[in-house]
Amino acid sequence: MTKPLAIFDIDGTIFRSSLLVELNWKLITRGVFPGRMKKDLDRYYFSWINRKGSYEDYIHKVVELYDRYLDGVSQKEVRRLARDVVREHKDRVYVYTRELIKKIRKTHTLVAISGSPIEIVKEFNRHWRFQYIFGTEREAKKGVYTGKSIRVASDDKSSILLDFARKHNFNFSRSIGVGDTESDMGIFEVVSRPICFNPNKNLYRIAKRKGWKIVVERKDVIYELE
């Protein structure tokens, strides 16, 4: 009998940051991306940190600049720096999702889906050992990025998951899905048991309306709301 699926977002759900953000900073500090990129990001970063702007605005700017400056960069270099990021930050994770993964590892088929680049998602997974992973894929020719995207995983998670289930003969009976923003609605729409973890305002409102489970981890306390 096929094990039920357990589908996790990564950034802000397992990882207490964003894999893309950390990779982006590494590319800047190692001189792969130009230093002026930091100045472009600082306005959005400090606006969010000072609660004057949104995290969504900040992360959208990160994605925009990453895509802009990736053109012409070596795949080998990105993979090398992705390994460095994961080696440094692989344990910077939330207790709730870390323990949930540990609890269900033997009873569920584990799937991770992230809008972060597939290169760093693969490195992250060397430590966390999901059976299936999805990330954003960008075109490269002769080992060099062209600046074009092949698949942006955060754009339509439901289609990715439905195609995956058909290909591997899975269904969503007794399945679990965990995410933190409305970009994870594609997960929640297909699973049997949505878990909204540290939801942002938009997802919180949706979860309350639909009666989905809400879990909040704050400092050393975990709150569970039904």
N, C-alpha and C. Protein backbone atom coordinates (compact mmCIF):
# COMPACT_ATOMS: atom_id res chain seq x y z
N MET A 1 0.85 -1.19 0.00
CA MET A 1 0.00 0.00 0.00
C MET A 1 0.88 1.24 0.00
N THR A 2 0.57 2.21 -0.86
CA THR A 2 1.37 3.42 -0.98
C THR A 2 1.26 4.26 0.28
N LYS A 3 2.39 4.76 0.74
CA LYS A 3 2.38 5.64 1.90
C LYS A 3 1.73 6.96 1.52
N PRO A 4 1.00 7.59 2.46
CA PRO A 4 0.44 8.91 2.17
C PRO A 4 1.55 9.95 1.99
N LEU A 5 1.23 10.99 1.26
CA LEU A 5 2.20 12.05 0.99
C LEU A 5 2.23 13.06 2.14
N ALA A 6 3.41 13.58 2.41
CA ALA A 6 3.58 14.71 3.32
C ALA A 6 4.38 15.76 2.54
N ILE A 7 3.76 16.88 2.23
CA ILE A 7 4.33 17.88 1.32
C ILE A 7 4.66 19.15 2.12
N PHE A 8 5.90 19.58 2.02
CA PHE A 8 6.38 20.72 2.78
C PHE A 8 6.92 21.81 1.86
N ASP A 9 6.52 23.04 2.13
CA ASP A 9 7.28 24.19 1.66
C ASP A 9 8.58 24.21 2.46
N ILE A 10 9.60 24.91 1.98
CA ILE A 10 10.87 24.97 2.72
C ILE A 10 11.08 26.32 3.38
N ASP A 11 11.10 27.38 2.60
CA ASP A 11 11.45 28.71 3.12
C ASP A 11 10.37 29.24 4.06
N GLY A 12 10.73 29.51 5.30
CA GLY A 12 9.78 30.00 6.27
C GLY A 12 8.91 28.92 6.86
N THR A 13 9.09 27.68 6.40
CA THR A 13 8.29 26.56 6.90
C THR A 13 9.19 25.54 7.58
N ILE A 14 10.24 25.11 6.92
CA ILE A 14 11.28 24.29 7.54
C ILE A 14 12.45 25.19 7.91
N PHE A 15 12.97 25.88 6.92
CA PHE A 15 14.15 26.74 7.08
C PHE A 15 13.73 28.10 7.64
N ARG A 16 14.41 28.56 8.68
CA ARG A 16 14.05 29.82 9.33
C ARG A 16 14.65 31.03 8.60
N SER A 17 14.60 30.98 7.33
CA SER A 17 15.01 32.08 6.46
C SER A 17 14.55 31.67 5.08
N SER A 18 15.22 32.16 4.07
CA SER A 18 14.96 31.75 2.69
C SER A 18 16.26 31.25 2.09
N LEU A 19 16.22 30.08 1.48
CA LEU A 19 17.42 29.55 0.83
C LEU A 19 17.91 30.51 -0.26
N LEU A 20 16.97 31.10 -0.99
CA LEU A 20 17.35 32.04 -2.04
C LEU A 20 18.03 33.27 -1.45
N VAL A 21 17.47 33.81 -0.37
CA VAL A 21 18.07 34.99 0.26
C VAL A 21 19.50 34.71 0.69
N GLU A 22 19.72 33.56 1.35
CA GLU A 22 21.06 33.23 1.83
C GLU A 22 22.03 32.99 0.67
N LEU A 23 21.55 32.34 -0.39
CA LEU A 23 22.40 32.13 -1.56
C LEU A 23 22.73 33.46 -2.23
N ASN A 24 21.74 34.32 -2.30
CA ASN A 24 21.93 35.64 -2.90
C ASN A 24 23.03 36.42 -2.18
N TRP A 25 22.97 36.45 -0.85
CA TRP A 25 23.99 37.16 -0.08
C TRP A 25 25.37 36.54 -0.27
N LYS A 26 25.41 35.23 -0.36
CA LYS A 26 26.70 34.57 -0.58
C LYS A 26 27.29 34.95 -1.94
N LEU A 27 26.44 35.03 -2.94
CA LEU A 27 26.90 35.42 -4.28
C LEU A 27 27.42 36.86 -4.29
N ILE A 28 26.80 37.71 -3.47
CA ILE A 28 27.27 39.10 -3.38
C ILE A 28 28.59 39.17 -2.64
N THR A 29 28.66 38.52 -1.46
CA THR A 29 29.88 38.64 -0.63
C THR A 29 31.08 37.98 -1.28
N ARG A 30 30.86 36.98 -2.14
CA ARG A 30 31.97 36.32 -2.83
C ARG A 30 32.31 37.00 -4.16
N GLY A 31 31.60 38.09 -4.48
CA GLY A 31 31.94 38.85 -5.67
C GLY A 31 31.39 38.31 -6.97
N VAL A 32 30.53 37.31 -6.91
CA VAL A 32 29.92 36.77 -8.13
C VAL A 32 28.86 37.74 -8.65
N PHE A 33 28.05 38.27 -7.74
CA PHE A 33 27.11 39.33 -8.06
C PHE A 33 27.74 40.66 -7.66
N PRO A 34 27.40 41.75 -8.35
CA PRO A 34 28.03 43.05 -8.04
C PRO A 34 27.62 43.58 -6.67
N GLY A 35 28.54 44.29 -6.02
CA GLY A 35 28.28 44.83 -4.69
C GLY A 35 27.13 45.82 -4.66
N ARG A 36 26.86 46.50 -5.78
CA ARG A 36 25.76 47.47 -5.81
C ARG A 36 24.41 46.81 -5.60
N MET A 37 24.36 45.49 -5.78
CA MET A 37 23.11 44.76 -5.56
C MET A 37 22.66 44.88 -4.11
N LYS A 38 23.62 44.91 -3.19
CA LYS A 38 23.29 45.04 -1.77
C LYS A 38 22.57 46.35 -1.50
N LYS A 39 23.05 47.42 -2.12
CA LYS A 39 22.39 48.72 -1.94
C LYS A 39 20.96 48.68 -2.47
N ASP A 40 20.77 48.01 -3.59
CA ASP A 40 19.42 47.89 -4.16
C ASP A 40 18.48 47.15 -3.21
N LEU A 41 19.02 46.15 -2.49
CA LEU A 41 18.20 45.33 -1.60
C LEU A 41 17.97 45.96 -0.24
N ASP A 42 18.94 46.77 0.21
CA ASP A 42 18.89 47.27 1.59
C ASP A 42 17.60 48.05 1.88
N ARG A 43 17.13 48.82 0.92
CA ARG A 43 15.92 49.62 1.16
C ARG A 43 14.73 48.72 1.45
N TYR A 44 14.61 47.63 0.71
CA TYR A 44 13.49 46.71 0.93
C TYR A 44 13.70 45.90 2.22
N TYR A 45 14.95 45.51 2.46
CA TYR A 45 15.24 44.71 3.65
C TYR A 45 14.95 45.50 4.93
N PHE A 46 15.46 46.72 5.02
CA PHE A 46 15.27 47.50 6.24
C PHE A 46 13.83 47.99 6.38
N SER A 47 13.14 48.20 5.29
CA SER A 47 11.72 48.53 5.35
C SER A 47 10.94 47.39 5.98
N TRP A 48 11.28 46.15 5.60
CA TRP A 48 10.62 44.98 6.20
C TRP A 48 11.02 44.81 7.66
N ILE A 49 12.30 44.87 7.97
CA ILE A 49 12.79 44.69 9.33
C ILE A 49 12.18 45.72 10.28
N ASN A 50 12.00 46.95 9.79
CA ASN A 50 11.44 48.02 10.61
C ASN A 50 9.91 48.06 10.57
N ARG A 51 9.31 47.02 9.97
CA ARG A 51 7.86 46.87 9.91
C ARG A 51 7.17 48.04 9.21
N LYS A 52 7.84 48.56 8.20
CA LYS A 52 7.26 49.61 7.37
C LYS A 52 6.89 49.08 5.98
N GLY A 53 7.46 47.95 5.64
CA GLY A 53 7.16 47.30 4.37
C GLY A 53 6.92 45.82 4.62
N SER A 54 6.61 45.09 3.57
CA SER A 54 6.27 43.68 3.73
C SER A 54 7.43 42.77 3.33
N TYR A 55 7.42 41.58 3.89
CA TYR A 55 8.41 40.57 3.51
C TYR A 55 8.22 40.19 2.05
N GLU A 56 6.96 40.17 1.60
CA GLU A 56 6.69 39.81 0.21
C GLU A 56 7.37 40.78 -0.75
N ASP A 57 7.34 42.09 -0.43
CA ASP A 57 8.02 43.07 -1.29
C ASP A 57 9.52 42.80 -1.32
N TYR A 58 10.06 42.49 -0.16
CA TYR A 58 11.50 42.22 -0.06
C TYR A 58 11.89 41.00 -0.88
N ILE A 59 11.15 39.89 -0.71
CA ILE A 59 11.53 38.66 -1.39
C ILE A 59 11.32 38.79 -2.90
N HIS A 60 10.32 39.55 -3.31
CA HIS A 60 10.12 39.77 -4.74
C HIS A 60 11.31 40.53 -5.34
N LYS A 61 11.85 41.47 -4.57
CA LYS A 61 13.02 42.21 -5.04
C LYS A 61 14.24 41.29 -5.12
N VAL A 62 14.39 40.41 -4.14
CA VAL A 62 15.48 39.43 -4.17
C VAL A 62 15.41 38.59 -5.43
N VAL A 63 14.23 38.09 -5.73
CA VAL A 63 14.05 37.25 -6.93
C VAL A 63 14.36 38.05 -8.19
N GLU A 64 13.84 39.27 -8.25
CA GLU A 64 14.06 40.12 -9.43
C GLU A 64 15.55 40.33 -9.69
N LEU A 65 16.30 40.67 -8.65
CA LEU A 65 17.73 40.95 -8.82
C LEU A 65 18.53 39.67 -9.06
N TYR A 66 18.14 38.58 -8.42
CA TYR A 66 18.81 37.30 -8.65
C TYR A 66 18.70 36.91 -10.12
N ASP A 67 17.49 37.02 -10.66
CA ASP A 67 17.28 36.67 -12.07
C ASP A 67 18.08 37.60 -12.99
N ARG A 68 18.15 38.86 -12.62
CA ARG A 68 18.85 39.84 -13.47
C ARG A 68 20.35 39.55 -13.54
N TYR A 69 20.95 39.26 -12.39
CA TYR A 69 22.40 39.14 -12.34
C TYR A 69 22.91 37.70 -12.56
N LEU A 70 21.99 36.74 -12.62
CA LEU A 70 22.41 35.35 -12.84
C LEU A 70 22.88 35.11 -14.26
N ASP A 71 22.40 35.90 -15.20
CA ASP A 71 22.77 35.74 -16.60
C ASP A 71 24.29 35.81 -16.76
N GLY A 72 24.87 34.73 -17.32
CA GLY A 72 26.31 34.67 -17.55
C GLY A 72 27.11 34.06 -16.42
N VAL A 73 26.46 33.70 -15.33
CA VAL A 73 27.15 33.11 -14.18
C VAL A 73 27.28 31.60 -14.38
N SER A 74 28.38 31.04 -13.92
CA SER A 74 28.64 29.61 -14.04
C SER A 74 27.76 28.79 -13.09
N GLN A 75 27.18 27.71 -13.62
CA GLN A 75 26.42 26.78 -12.78
C GLN A 75 27.31 26.19 -11.69
N LYS A 76 28.52 25.87 -12.04
CA LYS A 76 29.46 25.27 -11.08
C LYS A 76 29.67 26.18 -9.88
N GLU A 77 29.78 27.48 -10.13
CA GLU A 77 30.00 28.44 -9.05
C GLU A 77 28.77 28.54 -8.14
N VAL A 78 27.60 28.57 -8.73
CA VAL A 78 26.37 28.63 -7.94
C VAL A 78 26.22 27.38 -7.08
N ARG A 79 26.51 26.23 -7.65
CA ARG A 79 26.41 24.99 -6.88
C ARG A 79 27.42 24.97 -5.74
N ARG A 80 28.61 25.47 -5.99
CA ARG A 80 29.64 25.50 -4.95
C ARG A 80 29.21 26.39 -3.78
N LEU A 81 28.68 27.56 -4.10
CA LEU A 81 28.25 28.47 -3.05
C LEU A 81 26.98 27.97 -2.36
N ALA A 82 26.12 27.26 -3.09
CA ALA A 82 24.95 26.65 -2.47
C ALA A 82 25.38 25.63 -1.41
N ARG A 83 26.42 24.86 -1.71
CA ARG A 83 26.94 23.91 -0.72
C ARG A 83 27.44 24.64 0.53
N ASP A 84 28.11 25.77 0.32
CA ASP A 84 28.61 26.56 1.45
C ASP A 84 27.46 27.05 2.32
N VAL A 85 26.41 27.56 1.68
CA VAL A 85 25.26 28.08 2.42
C VAL A 85 24.62 26.98 3.26
N VAL A 86 24.40 25.83 2.67
CA VAL A 86 23.74 24.75 3.39
C VAL A 86 24.62 24.21 4.50
N ARG A 87 25.89 24.11 4.26
CA ARG A 87 26.81 23.66 5.31
C ARG A 87 26.74 24.59 6.53
N GLU A 88 26.61 25.87 6.28
CA GLU A 88 26.56 26.85 7.36
C GLU A 88 25.20 26.91 8.05
N HIS A 89 24.12 26.68 7.29
CA HIS A 89 22.78 26.98 7.80
C HIS A 89 21.81 25.80 7.83
N LYS A 90 22.27 24.60 7.56
CA LYS A 90 21.35 23.47 7.42
C LYS A 90 20.51 23.20 8.67
N ASP A 91 21.01 23.58 9.85
CA ASP A 91 20.28 23.32 11.10
C ASP A 91 19.47 24.51 11.58
N ARG A 92 19.41 25.57 10.78
CA ARG A 92 18.60 26.74 11.17
C ARG A 92 17.16 26.48 10.76
N VAL A 93 16.50 25.63 11.52
CA VAL A 93 15.17 25.18 11.16
C VAL A 93 14.22 25.34 12.36
N TYR A 94 12.93 25.28 12.06
CA TYR A 94 11.92 25.36 13.10
C TYR A 94 11.78 24.02 13.82
N VAL A 95 11.51 24.09 15.11
CA VAL A 95 11.34 22.88 15.91
C VAL A 95 10.12 22.09 15.45
N TYR A 96 9.00 22.78 15.22
CA TYR A 96 7.76 22.08 14.90
C TYR A 96 7.90 21.24 13.65
N THR A 97 8.38 21.84 12.57
CA THR A 97 8.47 21.08 11.32
C THR A 97 9.60 20.06 11.38
N ARG A 98 10.69 20.38 12.07
CA ARG A 98 11.77 19.40 12.24
C ARG A 98 11.26 18.14 12.93
N GLU A 99 10.49 18.32 14.00
CA GLU A 99 9.99 17.17 14.75
C GLU A 99 8.87 16.45 14.00
N LEU A 100 8.07 17.19 13.24
CA LEU A 100 7.02 16.56 12.44
C LEU A 100 7.64 15.66 11.37
N ILE A 101 8.67 16.16 10.70
CA ILE A 101 9.36 15.36 9.69
C ILE A 101 9.93 14.09 10.31
N LYS A 102 10.55 14.24 11.46
CA LYS A 102 11.13 13.09 12.16
C LYS A 102 10.04 12.07 12.52
N LYS A 103 8.90 12.57 12.96
CA LYS A 103 7.80 11.70 13.40
C LYS A 103 7.20 10.90 12.25
N ILE A 104 7.06 11.51 11.08
CA ILE A 104 6.33 10.86 9.99
C ILE A 104 7.24 10.28 8.92
N ARG A 105 8.53 10.34 9.11
CA ARG A 105 9.46 9.89 8.08
C ARG A 105 9.19 8.45 7.63
N LYS A 106 8.84 7.57 8.57
CA LYS A 106 8.64 6.16 8.23
C LYS A 106 7.23 5.86 7.74
N THR A 107 6.30 6.77 7.99
CA THR A 107 4.90 6.49 7.66
C THR A 107 4.42 7.23 6.41
N HIS A 108 5.17 8.23 5.94
CA HIS A 108 4.76 9.05 4.81
C HIS A 108 5.87 9.14 3.76
N THR A 109 5.47 9.43 2.54
CA THR A 109 6.41 9.79 1.48
C THR A 109 6.64 11.29 1.55
N LEU A 110 7.87 11.71 1.78
CA LEU A 110 8.18 13.11 2.02
C LEU A 110 8.50 13.84 0.72
N VAL A 111 7.83 14.98 0.53
CA VAL A 111 8.00 15.80 -0.67
C VAL A 111 8.27 17.24 -0.22
N ALA A 112 9.26 17.88 -0.81
CA ALA A 112 9.53 19.29 -0.54
C ALA A 112 9.40 20.07 -1.84
N ILE A 113 8.75 21.23 -1.76
CA ILE A 113 8.58 22.08 -2.94
C ILE A 113 8.87 23.52 -2.55
N SER A 114 9.74 24.17 -3.30
CA SER A 114 10.22 25.49 -2.93
C SER A 114 10.38 26.38 -4.14
N GLY A 115 10.15 27.68 -3.94
CA GLY A 115 10.42 28.64 -4.99
C GLY A 115 11.89 28.97 -5.12
N SER A 116 12.72 28.51 -4.18
CA SER A 116 14.16 28.76 -4.24
C SER A 116 14.79 27.95 -5.37
N PRO A 117 16.00 28.33 -5.80
CA PRO A 117 16.65 27.62 -6.92
C PRO A 117 16.86 26.14 -6.62
N ILE A 118 16.66 25.32 -7.62
CA ILE A 118 16.78 23.87 -7.44
C ILE A 118 18.20 23.50 -7.00
N GLU A 119 19.20 24.29 -7.37
CA GLU A 119 20.58 23.98 -6.99
C GLU A 119 20.74 23.95 -5.47
N ILE A 120 20.15 24.92 -4.79
CA ILE A 120 20.31 24.96 -3.33
C ILE A 120 19.28 24.06 -2.65
N VAL A 121 18.14 23.84 -3.29
CA VAL A 121 17.17 22.87 -2.75
C VAL A 121 17.79 21.47 -2.71
N LYS A 122 18.53 21.11 -3.77
CA LYS A 122 19.21 19.81 -3.80
C LYS A 122 20.24 19.71 -2.68
N GLU A 123 20.99 20.77 -2.45
CA GLU A 123 21.99 20.74 -1.38
C GLU A 123 21.33 20.63 -0.02
N PHE A 124 20.25 21.36 0.18
CA PHE A 124 19.50 21.29 1.43
C PHE A 124 18.99 19.87 1.66
N ASN A 125 18.59 19.23 0.57
CA ASN A 125 18.01 17.90 0.71
C ASN A 125 19.05 16.81 0.98
N ARG A 126 20.31 17.07 0.72
CA ARG A 126 21.34 16.11 1.08
C ARG A 126 21.32 15.86 2.59
N HIS A 127 20.91 16.88 3.34
CA HIS A 127 20.83 16.76 4.79
C HIS A 127 19.47 16.27 5.25
N TRP A 128 18.39 16.75 4.59
CA TRP A 128 17.03 16.46 5.09
C TRP A 128 16.38 15.25 4.46
N ARG A 129 16.86 14.79 3.32
CA ARG A 129 16.49 13.49 2.75
C ARG A 129 14.99 13.33 2.47
N PHE A 130 14.41 14.29 1.78
CA PHE A 130 13.08 14.10 1.22
C PHE A 130 13.20 13.15 0.03
N GLN A 131 12.15 12.36 -0.18
CA GLN A 131 12.20 11.43 -1.32
C GLN A 131 12.06 12.15 -2.66
N TYR A 132 11.30 13.24 -2.67
CA TYR A 132 11.09 14.00 -3.90
C TYR A 132 11.22 15.49 -3.58
N ILE A 133 11.84 16.23 -4.49
CA ILE A 133 12.01 17.66 -4.29
C ILE A 133 11.71 18.42 -5.58
N PHE A 134 11.23 19.65 -5.40
CA PHE A 134 10.99 20.55 -6.53
C PHE A 134 11.50 21.93 -6.16
N GLY A 135 12.14 22.59 -7.12
CA GLY A 135 12.60 23.96 -6.94
C GLY A 135 12.51 24.69 -8.25
N THR A 136 12.85 25.97 -8.22
CA THR A 136 12.82 26.76 -9.44
C THR A 136 14.03 26.43 -10.32
N GLU A 137 13.77 26.15 -11.59
CA GLU A 137 14.82 25.76 -12.52
C GLU A 137 15.07 26.87 -13.53
N ARG A 138 16.34 27.20 -13.73
CA ARG A 138 16.72 28.25 -14.67
C ARG A 138 17.61 27.65 -15.77
N GLU A 139 17.43 28.15 -16.97
CA GLU A 139 18.12 27.61 -18.14
C GLU A 139 19.62 27.89 -18.07
N ALA A 140 20.41 26.89 -18.48
CA ALA A 140 21.86 27.06 -18.62
C ALA A 140 22.29 26.40 -19.93
N LYS A 141 23.24 27.01 -20.60
CA LYS A 141 23.84 26.45 -21.80
C LYS A 141 25.35 26.39 -21.63
N LYS A 142 25.90 25.20 -21.85
CA LYS A 142 27.34 24.97 -21.67
C LYS A 142 27.81 25.39 -20.28
N GLY A 143 26.94 25.10 -19.30
CA GLY A 143 27.30 25.35 -17.91
C GLY A 143 27.19 26.78 -17.46
N VAL A 144 26.54 27.64 -18.27
CA VAL A 144 26.39 29.05 -17.93
C VAL A 144 24.91 29.43 -18.01
N TYR A 145 24.41 30.14 -17.01
CA TYR A 145 23.01 30.53 -16.99
C TYR A 145 22.71 31.57 -18.07
N THR A 146 21.54 31.43 -18.67
CA THR A 146 21.13 32.34 -19.74
C THR A 146 20.25 33.48 -19.24
N GLY A 147 19.75 33.36 -17.99
CA GLY A 147 18.84 34.37 -17.47
C GLY A 147 17.38 34.02 -17.68
N LYS A 148 17.11 32.89 -18.32
CA LYS A 148 15.73 32.46 -18.56
C LYS A 148 15.31 31.40 -17.54
N SER A 149 14.05 31.45 -17.13
CA SER A 149 13.51 30.45 -16.21
C SER A 149 12.83 29.33 -16.99
N ILE A 150 13.05 28.10 -16.53
CA ILE A 150 12.38 26.94 -17.12
C ILE A 150 11.08 26.66 -16.38
N ARG A 151 11.18 26.65 -15.03
CA ARG A 151 10.00 26.42 -14.20
C ARG A 151 10.17 27.15 -12.88
N VAL A 152 9.19 27.98 -12.54
CA VAL A 152 9.20 28.68 -11.25
C VAL A 152 8.25 27.92 -10.33
N ALA A 153 8.82 27.18 -9.39
CA ALA A 153 8.02 26.23 -8.61
C ALA A 153 6.95 26.90 -7.76
N SER A 154 7.18 28.14 -7.35
CA SER A 154 6.21 28.81 -6.49
C SER A 154 5.00 29.34 -7.25
N ASP A 155 5.05 29.36 -8.58
CA ASP A 155 3.97 29.94 -9.37
C ASP A 155 2.72 29.07 -9.40
N ASP A 156 2.89 27.77 -9.42
CA ASP A 156 1.72 26.88 -9.54
C ASP A 156 2.04 25.54 -8.90
N LYS A 157 2.08 25.52 -7.58
CA LYS A 157 2.45 24.29 -6.88
C LYS A 157 1.43 23.18 -7.08
N SER A 158 0.17 23.54 -7.23
CA SER A 158 -0.85 22.49 -7.40
C SER A 158 -0.63 21.71 -8.69
N SER A 159 -0.32 22.41 -9.80
CA SER A 159 -0.10 21.71 -11.07
C SER A 159 1.12 20.80 -10.98
N ILE A 160 2.19 21.29 -10.35
CA ILE A 160 3.39 20.47 -10.18
C ILE A 160 3.06 19.21 -9.39
N LEU A 161 2.32 19.37 -8.31
CA LEU A 161 2.00 18.23 -7.44
C LEU A 161 1.04 17.26 -8.11
N LEU A 162 0.07 17.77 -8.84
CA LEU A 162 -0.86 16.89 -9.53
C LEU A 162 -0.15 16.08 -10.62
N ASP A 163 0.73 16.73 -11.38
CA ASP A 163 1.52 16.02 -12.40
C ASP A 163 2.42 14.98 -11.75
N PHE A 164 3.03 15.35 -10.65
CA PHE A 164 3.89 14.42 -9.91
C PHE A 164 3.11 13.20 -9.44
N ALA A 165 1.92 13.42 -8.88
CA ALA A 165 1.10 12.31 -8.37
C ALA A 165 0.69 11.37 -9.49
N ARG A 166 0.32 11.94 -10.65
CA ARG A 166 -0.06 11.09 -11.78
C ARG A 166 1.14 10.27 -12.28
N LYS A 167 2.27 10.90 -12.37
CA LYS A 167 3.47 10.24 -12.89
C LYS A 167 3.91 9.08 -12.00
N HIS A 168 3.79 9.25 -10.70
CA HIS A 168 4.30 8.25 -9.76
C HIS A 168 3.17 7.42 -9.11
N ASN A 169 1.95 7.60 -9.62
CA ASN A 169 0.81 6.81 -9.14
C ASN A 169 0.54 7.03 -7.65
N PHE A 170 0.64 8.26 -7.21
CA PHE A 170 0.26 8.64 -5.85
C PHE A 170 -1.15 9.21 -5.87
N ASN A 171 -1.79 9.19 -4.70
CA ASN A 171 -3.00 9.98 -4.52
C ASN A 171 -2.83 10.81 -3.25
N PHE A 172 -3.82 11.65 -2.97
CA PHE A 172 -3.69 12.58 -1.85
C PHE A 172 -4.52 12.16 -0.64
N SER A 173 -4.95 10.90 -0.64
CA SER A 173 -5.66 10.38 0.52
C SER A 173 -4.75 10.38 1.74
N ARG A 174 -5.23 10.92 2.84
CA ARG A 174 -4.50 10.98 4.13
C ARG A 174 -3.23 11.82 4.04
N SER A 175 -3.15 12.68 3.05
CA SER A 175 -1.93 13.48 2.85
C SER A 175 -1.91 14.70 3.78
N ILE A 176 -0.69 15.17 4.03
CA ILE A 176 -0.44 16.35 4.86
C ILE A 176 0.27 17.39 4.00
N GLY A 177 -0.07 18.66 4.20
CA GLY A 177 0.64 19.74 3.53
C GLY A 177 0.95 20.85 4.51
N VAL A 178 2.18 21.35 4.48
CA VAL A 178 2.61 22.38 5.43
C VAL A 178 3.23 23.55 4.67
N GLY A 179 2.75 24.76 4.95
CA GLY A 179 3.29 25.95 4.31
C GLY A 179 2.98 27.18 5.13
N ASP A 180 3.53 28.33 4.69
CA ASP A 180 3.43 29.53 5.54
C ASP A 180 2.82 30.76 4.85
N THR A 181 2.62 30.73 3.54
CA THR A 181 2.04 31.88 2.86
C THR A 181 1.02 31.41 1.83
N GLU A 182 0.32 32.38 1.24
CA GLU A 182 -0.69 32.03 0.24
C GLU A 182 -0.06 31.44 -1.01
N SER A 183 1.25 31.58 -1.20
CA SER A 183 1.91 30.92 -2.33
C SER A 183 1.88 29.40 -2.17
N ASP A 184 1.55 28.94 -0.96
CA ASP A 184 1.43 27.50 -0.70
C ASP A 184 0.00 27.00 -0.85
N MET A 185 -0.88 27.84 -1.36
CA MET A 185 -2.27 27.40 -1.57
C MET A 185 -2.32 26.21 -2.51
N GLY A 186 -1.36 26.13 -3.43
CA GLY A 186 -1.32 24.98 -4.33
C GLY A 186 -1.07 23.67 -3.60
N ILE A 187 -0.42 23.73 -2.46
CA ILE A 187 -0.26 22.55 -1.61
C ILE A 187 -1.57 22.26 -0.89
N PHE A 188 -2.12 23.30 -0.25
CA PHE A 188 -3.31 23.12 0.58
C PHE A 188 -4.53 22.67 -0.22
N GLU A 189 -4.58 23.07 -1.50
CA GLU A 189 -5.73 22.71 -2.34
C GLU A 189 -5.79 21.23 -2.67
N VAL A 190 -4.65 20.52 -2.59
CA VAL A 190 -4.65 19.12 -3.01
C VAL A 190 -4.56 18.13 -1.85
N VAL A 191 -4.07 18.57 -0.68
CA VAL A 191 -3.86 17.62 0.42
C VAL A 191 -5.12 17.45 1.25
N SER A 192 -5.14 16.37 2.03
CA SER A 192 -6.28 16.10 2.90
C SER A 192 -6.23 16.93 4.18
N ARG A 193 -5.00 17.21 4.64
CA ARG A 193 -4.83 17.88 5.93
C ARG A 193 -3.86 19.06 5.80
N PRO A 194 -4.37 20.25 5.52
CA PRO A 194 -3.50 21.42 5.45
C PRO A 194 -3.06 21.87 6.86
N ILE A 195 -1.80 22.26 6.98
CA ILE A 195 -1.28 22.83 8.21
C ILE A 195 -0.63 24.15 7.85
N CYS A 196 -1.20 25.24 8.34
CA CYS A 196 -0.69 26.57 8.05
C CYS A 196 0.26 26.95 9.18
N PHE A 197 1.54 26.95 8.89
CA PHE A 197 2.57 27.13 9.91
C PHE A 197 3.12 28.56 9.86
N ASN A 198 3.04 29.25 11.01
CA ASN A 198 3.46 30.66 11.07
C ASN A 198 2.90 31.44 9.88
N PRO A 199 1.59 31.38 9.66
CA PRO A 199 1.04 31.97 8.43
C PRO A 199 1.16 33.49 8.41
N ASN A 200 1.34 34.03 7.21
CA ASN A 200 1.24 35.48 7.07
C ASN A 200 -0.24 35.87 7.13
N LYS A 201 -0.51 37.17 7.07
CA LYS A 201 -1.87 37.65 7.29
C LYS A 201 -2.86 37.06 6.28
N ASN A 202 -2.47 37.04 5.01
CA ASN A 202 -3.40 36.54 3.99
C ASN A 202 -3.73 35.07 4.19
N LEU A 203 -2.70 34.27 4.47
CA LEU A 203 -2.96 32.84 4.69
C LEU A 203 -3.74 32.62 5.97
N TYR A 204 -3.45 33.40 7.00
CA TYR A 204 -4.19 33.28 8.26
C TYR A 204 -5.69 33.49 8.04
N ARG A 205 -6.04 34.50 7.28
CA ARG A 205 -7.45 34.78 7.01
C ARG A 205 -8.10 33.64 6.24
N ILE A 206 -7.38 33.10 5.26
CA ILE A 206 -7.91 31.97 4.48
C ILE A 206 -8.10 30.75 5.37
N ALA A 207 -7.09 30.48 6.20
CA ALA A 207 -7.13 29.31 7.08
C ALA A 207 -8.30 29.39 8.07
N LYS A 208 -8.52 30.56 8.63
CA LYS A 208 -9.64 30.74 9.57
C LYS A 208 -10.96 30.50 8.87
N ARG A 209 -11.08 30.99 7.64
CA ARG A 209 -12.33 30.83 6.89
C ARG A 209 -12.60 29.37 6.53
N LYS A 210 -11.52 28.66 6.21
CA LYS A 210 -11.68 27.28 5.76
C LYS A 210 -11.58 26.26 6.90
N GLY A 211 -11.22 26.73 8.09
CA GLY A 211 -11.12 25.82 9.23
C GLY A 211 -9.87 24.96 9.21
N TRP A 212 -8.81 25.44 8.57
CA TRP A 212 -7.56 24.69 8.52
C TRP A 212 -6.77 24.85 9.82
N LYS A 213 -5.95 23.90 10.12
CA LYS A 213 -5.12 23.95 11.31
C LYS A 213 -4.06 25.04 11.16
N ILE A 214 -3.88 25.80 12.23
CA ILE A 214 -2.87 26.86 12.27
C ILE A 214 -1.90 26.54 13.41
N VAL A 215 -0.61 26.59 13.11
CA VAL A 215 0.43 26.35 14.11
C VAL A 215 1.37 27.55 14.11
N VAL A 216 1.65 28.05 15.30
CA VAL A 216 2.56 29.19 15.44
C VAL A 216 3.69 28.81 16.38
N GLU A 217 4.92 28.99 15.92
CA GLU A 217 6.09 28.77 16.76
C GLU A 217 6.72 30.12 17.07
N ARG A 218 6.71 30.46 18.35
CA ARG A 218 7.23 31.75 18.78
C ARG A 218 8.18 31.53 19.95
N LYS A 219 9.46 31.91 19.76
CA LYS A 219 10.49 31.66 20.76
C LYS A 219 10.51 30.17 21.07
N ASP A 220 10.24 29.76 22.33
CA ASP A 220 10.29 28.34 22.67
C ASP A 220 8.90 27.76 22.91
N VAL A 221 7.87 28.41 22.33
CA VAL A 221 6.49 27.95 22.52
C VAL A 221 5.86 27.66 21.16
N ILE A 222 5.12 26.55 21.08
CA ILE A 222 4.40 26.19 19.86
C ILE A 222 2.90 26.19 20.17
N TYR A 223 2.13 26.99 19.43
CA TYR A 223 0.69 27.08 19.61
C TYR A 223 0.00 26.37 18.45
N GLU A 224 -0.96 25.55 18.75
CA GLU A 224 -1.73 24.87 17.71
C GLU A 224 -3.19 25.30 17.81
N LEU A 225 -3.74 25.77 16.67
CA LEU A 225 -5.12 26.24 16.61
C LEU A 225 -5.86 25.42 15.56
N GLU A 226 -7.06 25.03 15.87
CA GLU A 226 -7.89 24.32 14.91
C GLU A 226 -8.99 25.26 14.41
